[in-house]
Amino acid sequence: MSENENNEKEATKRALTRRKWSYRIVSIIVILISIKICIAGHWEDIPVSFATVVLIIGVAIWMLGSPGDYNPGDNGVIMITMEEPKKIEDIYEAYRKIETPLGSCYLGKITTMKQQALIWGPNSEGEYLYFWLNDSGIVGYLGYSGLDGLISKHITEPDFPIKEVPEANKNIEEKNIEYKDIVDNVTENNAAEENVIGENTTEDREKEVKNAIYPVSIWTVQTQLHDSLKFYAEMGQALPLPDVQPAYEQEIKEFEESNSDEG
């Protein structure tokens, strides 16, 4: 690492520390104001109600300070801090060839933000993931949305399209019993192996088969992208997502073909 790069990373680290404590100081001030409102209002219902709103705002400000404070909240958005300032175009170039179940990313505009964003999707349900950087280029947010109408512009197009759900999976409700037979069959065939490997083998194989039947959860993809983007932020390298190809795709295909022949 060059001296210039090291200095830049140190400067970014200091900026992130200042950011964290700035938010915390403001948060403490707001929380103290909420307490003062309660005391001044003699703990009457109306002042306490107003103070509660102020208190919630204070806690929210605290959570905005760092990933450690922000990410435990269940709001569908994950904060990622960079080791040095980045441009969204550079991250796009690093990730444009990375395939996901939502296809590869593209640059786009979302009506609720002024910045350009990386977008994965939307899928057939209108769900998509997006990533954007704040103005400093050192804090990013990986979010989820189910409102594809908010995507107002495609600046680029994805290099790899979204992976379509297999036709056999589209009528899943009508075939649950048949698919359960696959699970039972795979479990039975590997029952002997369970005694050697461990008691969770059967359950693990059932999960593998079910993962081959159902589309990959968008939350799983978000978790995988978070891990990859976090590594990129630290090391400057875009990690491919783990292989999401179903483990028993061939078994399901053969099962479908056998049922088709019998019909």
Foldseek 3Di string as FASTA:
>chain_A
DDPVLVVQLVVLVVVLVVQLVVLLVVLVVLLVVLVVQCVVVVNDDVSNVVSVVSNVVSLVSNQVSDQVSPVVDPDQKGKAFFSGADDQVLVCVQFLPFQDLQATWFWFDFQVDPFIWTKRDDDPQQKIWIKDAPPRRGMMMIGIDSHNVRGDTTPDDRPTHHDDQDPVLVPCVVCVVVLVVVLVVVLVVCVVVCVVPHVCPSVVSSVLSVLQRDDDDVVVVSVQQVVQVNCCSVPVHGDHGPDSHRPCNVVVVVSVVVVVVVD
